[in-house]
Amino acid sequence: MRIRYNGHSSFTITAADGTVIVTDPYEPGAYGGGIGYHQIGDQPDIVTVSHDHADHGYTEGFSGEFEIVRESASHKGIEFRAIDTFHDDQGGAQRGANTIFVFEVDGVTLCHLGDLGHVLSDEQIALIGPVDVLMAPIGGHFTIDPLQATDVFERLRPKVFLPMHYKTDKCGFPIAGVDEFVKGKARVQRIDSDAIEVEADKLPGEPEVKVLNHAC
């Protein structure tokens, strides 16, 4: 499969059979221009939405027919497991609920943490289970911060960790950049591309962080 980082918390995952999944699409220009990424140009078959904030649930930018996944569901032969979490560390009192999605594409288990705002409990770690590719926020303020994201990384031990929801030239939010997360980590690759190819039989033996350029 091919995984492209659109920007913010959005990835486009293209399966070997051509099925296109877009995670957490953002609204360009949302929050007074805080989201400076361009419109995602893909035609998705499936869109996952972790919560309905403008920088994660903007499905209006897509045309054609597609399925929106907000809870556990099955589409195009792909099973999406939804795990209920929160957008803050106060049980959702500050920013509401957040949904983690776990799903398998081409024999690879992916997990998208959405706008996770708290360290995962042991029970939640168990519900997620083994992960090959983890897409996780690292910027703090609205989500888990670099230290908390490191805790999640070390406990889930994905083969590939893809950072998201961090400060870039297209994000005006008061959040940390990727350097704060990767600092001190041994297995970090800064990919000079917005996409990687992932194959089940070619996953790294030890957890790796791969930092992608944003496509949009």
Protein backbone atom coordinates (compact mmCIF):
# COMPACT_ATOMS: atom_id res chain seq x y z
CA MET A 1 0.00 0.00 0.00
CA ARG A 2 0.94 3.63 -0.31
CA ILE A 3 0.57 6.05 2.60
CA ARG A 4 0.74 9.77 1.86
CA TYR A 5 0.78 12.48 4.50
CA ASN A 6 -1.62 15.21 3.42
CA GLY A 7 -0.92 17.37 6.46
CA HIS A 8 -2.17 17.89 10.01
CA SER A 9 -3.78 14.52 10.92
CA SER A 10 -4.78 13.49 7.43
CA PHE A 11 -3.27 10.63 5.46
CA THR A 12 -4.34 9.05 2.19
CA ILE A 13 -3.94 5.27 2.24
CA THR A 14 -4.15 3.56 -1.13
CA ALA A 15 -4.50 -0.22 -1.03
CA ALA A 16 -3.11 -2.60 -3.64
CA ASP A 17 -6.61 -3.05 -5.10
CA GLY A 18 -7.01 0.73 -5.49
CA THR A 19 -9.23 1.35 -2.46
CA VAL A 20 -8.57 4.87 -1.15
CA ILE A 21 -8.95 5.71 2.56
CA VAL A 22 -8.54 9.28 3.84
CA THR A 23 -8.13 9.90 7.56
CA ASP A 24 -9.35 13.01 9.40
CA PRO A 25 -9.70 15.49 6.51
CA TYR A 26 -9.24 19.15 7.47
CA GLU A 27 -11.02 22.27 6.23
CA PRO A 28 -8.51 24.51 4.42
CA GLY A 29 -8.37 27.91 6.12
CA ALA A 30 -10.18 26.74 9.23
CA TYR A 31 -9.65 28.50 12.56
CA GLY A 32 -8.88 31.86 11.04
CA GLY A 33 -6.25 30.44 8.73
CA GLY A 34 -4.63 28.26 11.38
CA ILE A 35 -5.03 25.37 8.97
CA GLY A 36 -3.06 26.50 5.92
CA TYR A 37 -2.97 23.18 4.12
CA HIS A 38 -4.60 22.96 0.68
CA GLN A 39 -7.67 20.90 -0.13
CA ILE A 40 -6.99 17.17 -0.34
CA GLY A 41 -7.42 16.26 -3.99
CA ASP A 42 -8.12 12.54 -3.70
CA GLN A 43 -11.41 10.81 -4.44
CA PRO A 44 -11.81 8.58 -1.39
CA ASP A 45 -13.79 5.39 -1.08
CA ILE A 46 -13.71 5.66 2.71
CA VAL A 47 -13.12 8.59 5.07
CA THR A 48 -12.45 8.05 8.77
CA VAL A 49 -13.41 10.85 11.17
CA SER A 50 -12.13 10.79 14.74
CA HIS A 51 -14.32 13.73 15.80
CA ASP A 52 -16.27 16.56 14.20
CA HIS A 53 -13.90 19.51 14.57
CA ALA A 54 -13.16 21.45 11.39
CA ASP A 55 -9.54 20.29 11.23
CA HIS A 56 -10.51 16.60 11.39
CA GLY A 57 -14.01 16.07 9.99
CA TYR A 58 -14.29 18.18 6.83
CA THR A 59 -15.82 15.67 4.42
CA GLU A 60 -17.56 18.36 2.35
CA GLY A 61 -14.39 18.90 0.32
CA PHE A 62 -14.78 15.57 -1.47
CA SER A 63 -17.07 14.81 -4.42
CA GLY A 64 -18.52 11.54 -5.61
CA GLU A 65 -19.65 8.66 -3.43
CA PHE A 66 -17.75 7.55 -0.35
CA GLU A 67 -18.43 6.05 3.06
CA ILE A 68 -17.80 8.02 6.26
CA VAL A 69 -16.59 5.93 9.20
CA ARG A 70 -17.22 7.35 12.69
CA GLU A 71 -17.62 4.06 14.59
CA SER A 72 -16.85 0.38 14.15
CA ALA A 73 -17.86 -0.61 10.62
CA SER A 74 -16.98 -2.70 7.59
CA HIS A 75 -16.51 -1.20 4.12
CA LYS A 76 -14.86 -2.57 0.99
CA GLY A 77 -13.91 -5.68 2.93
CA ILE A 78 -12.00 -3.64 5.53
CA GLU A 79 -12.98 -3.91 9.19
CA PHE A 80 -12.64 -0.68 11.16
CA ARG A 81 -12.47 -1.09 14.94
CA ALA A 82 -13.36 2.07 16.86
CA ILE A 83 -11.95 2.67 20.34
CA ASP A 84 -13.52 5.43 22.42
CA THR A 85 -11.10 7.93 23.95
CA PHE A 86 -11.05 11.67 24.70
CA HIS A 87 -9.73 14.86 23.14
CA ASP A 88 -8.41 16.01 26.52
CA ASP A 89 -7.22 14.62 29.84
CA GLN A 90 -10.43 15.57 31.64
CA GLY A 91 -12.71 12.83 30.35
CA GLY A 92 -13.86 14.95 27.41
CA ALA A 93 -15.06 17.85 29.56
CA GLN A 94 -12.83 20.32 27.73
CA ARG A 95 -12.81 19.19 24.08
CA GLY A 96 -15.12 16.18 23.84
CA ALA A 97 -14.70 12.64 22.59
CA ASN A 98 -12.12 11.19 20.23
CA THR A 99 -12.20 7.92 18.30
CA ILE A 100 -9.18 5.76 17.56
CA PHE A 101 -9.44 3.54 14.49
CA VAL A 102 -7.65 0.23 13.98
CA PHE A 103 -7.91 -1.48 10.59
CA GLU A 104 -6.00 -3.82 8.30
CA VAL A 105 -5.02 -3.10 4.70
CA ASP A 106 -2.98 -5.52 2.56
CA GLY A 107 -2.03 -7.55 5.62
CA VAL A 108 -0.76 -4.49 7.52
CA THR A 109 -2.47 -3.33 10.73
CA LEU A 110 -2.84 0.44 10.92
CA CYS A 111 -3.91 2.59 13.85
CA HIS A 112 -4.91 6.26 13.67
CA LEU A 113 -5.13 7.95 17.06
CA GLY A 114 -7.09 11.01 15.94
CA ASP A 115 -6.84 13.93 18.39
CA LEU A 116 -5.95 11.80 21.38
CA GLY A 117 -5.64 14.09 24.39
CA HIS A 118 -4.46 11.72 27.13
CA VAL A 119 -2.04 8.88 27.77
CA LEU A 120 -3.63 5.55 26.91
CA SER A 121 -4.70 3.24 29.72
CA ASP A 122 -3.52 -0.36 29.84
CA GLU A 123 -7.02 -1.41 28.84
CA GLN A 124 -6.97 0.86 25.78
CA ILE A 125 -3.51 -0.41 24.80
CA ALA A 126 -4.90 -3.96 24.97
CA LEU A 127 -7.94 -3.01 22.88
CA ILE A 128 -5.70 -1.55 20.17
CA GLY A 129 -3.52 -4.66 20.12
CA PRO A 130 -0.49 -5.23 17.87
CA VAL A 131 0.12 -2.38 15.42
CA ASP A 132 2.30 -2.25 12.31
CA VAL A 133 1.77 1.42 11.38
CA LEU A 134 0.79 4.01 14.00
CA MET A 135 -0.34 7.51 13.06
CA ALA A 136 -0.17 9.61 16.22
CA PRO A 137 -0.40 13.29 17.26
CA ILE A 138 2.71 14.69 18.92
CA GLY A 139 2.24 18.47 19.11
CA GLY A 140 0.66 18.92 22.52
CA HIS A 141 -1.72 21.70 23.66
CA PHE A 142 -4.76 20.14 21.92
CA THR A 143 -3.41 16.56 21.96
CA ILE A 144 -0.77 14.46 23.65
CA ASP A 145 2.61 16.19 23.68
CA PRO A 146 6.01 14.83 22.60
CA LEU A 147 6.67 13.10 25.95
CA GLN A 148 3.20 11.56 26.10
CA ALA A 149 3.45 10.50 22.45
CA THR A 150 6.77 8.82 23.30
CA ASP A 151 4.99 6.87 26.05
CA VAL A 152 2.38 5.66 23.54
CA PHE A 153 5.13 4.81 21.02
CA GLU A 154 7.07 2.77 23.55
CA ARG A 155 4.02 0.89 24.81
CA LEU A 156 2.43 0.09 21.45
CA ARG A 157 5.79 -0.53 19.71
CA PRO A 158 4.55 -0.17 16.13
CA LYS A 159 6.88 -1.19 13.32
CA VAL A 160 6.38 2.27 11.78
CA PHE A 161 5.42 5.45 13.68
CA LEU A 162 4.15 8.35 11.54
CA PRO A 163 3.99 11.64 13.49
CA MET A 164 1.06 13.98 12.82
CA HIS A 165 -0.67 17.05 14.24
CA TYR A 166 2.49 19.09 14.80
CA LYS A 167 3.68 22.58 13.90
CA THR A 168 4.64 23.12 10.25
CA ASP A 169 4.81 26.03 7.83
CA LYS A 170 1.13 25.37 7.06
CA CYS A 171 -0.10 25.04 10.65
CA GLY A 172 -0.51 28.15 12.79
CA PHE A 173 -1.55 26.33 15.96
CA PRO A 174 0.50 26.87 19.16
CA ILE A 175 1.86 23.32 19.15
CA ALA A 176 5.28 21.69 19.10
CA GLY A 177 7.19 20.83 15.96
CA VAL A 178 8.42 17.37 15.06
CA ASP A 179 11.97 18.01 16.33
CA GLU A 180 10.83 17.90 19.95
CA PHE A 181 9.45 14.40 19.45
CA VAL A 182 12.32 12.85 17.48
CA LYS A 183 15.05 14.29 19.74
CA GLY A 184 17.04 11.48 21.34
CA LYS A 185 15.35 8.68 19.39
CA ALA A 186 17.68 6.27 17.63
CA ARG A 187 15.63 4.99 14.73
CA VAL A 188 14.35 8.09 12.94
CA GLN A 189 14.12 8.57 9.18
CA ARG A 190 13.29 11.94 7.68
CA ILE A 191 11.81 10.93 4.35
CA ASP A 192 12.35 13.39 1.49
CA SER A 193 8.86 12.66 0.21
CA ASP A 194 5.24 12.95 1.26
CA ALA A 195 4.61 9.22 0.89
CA ILE A 196 5.97 5.77 1.65
CA GLU A 197 5.23 2.30 0.34
CA VAL A 198 4.43 -0.27 3.04
CA GLU A 199 4.42 -4.04 2.50
CA ALA A 200 3.59 -6.62 5.14
CA ASP A 201 6.70 -8.70 4.44
CA LYS A 202 9.06 -5.71 4.40
CA LEU A 203 8.25 -4.04 7.71
CA PRO A 204 11.23 -3.11 9.91
CA GLY A 205 12.23 -5.51 12.67
CA GLU A 206 12.40 -2.75 15.29
CA PRO A 207 10.11 0.30 15.74
CA GLU A 208 11.02 3.20 13.45
CA VAL A 209 9.85 6.81 13.27
CA LYS A 210 9.34 8.05 9.74
CA VAL A 211 8.81 11.80 9.26
CA LEU A 212 7.07 12.65 5.98
CA ASN A 213 6.75 15.97 4.18
CA HIS A 214 3.18 17.20 3.95
CA ALA A 215 1.66 16.88 0.47
CA CYS A 216 -0.87 19.70 0.72
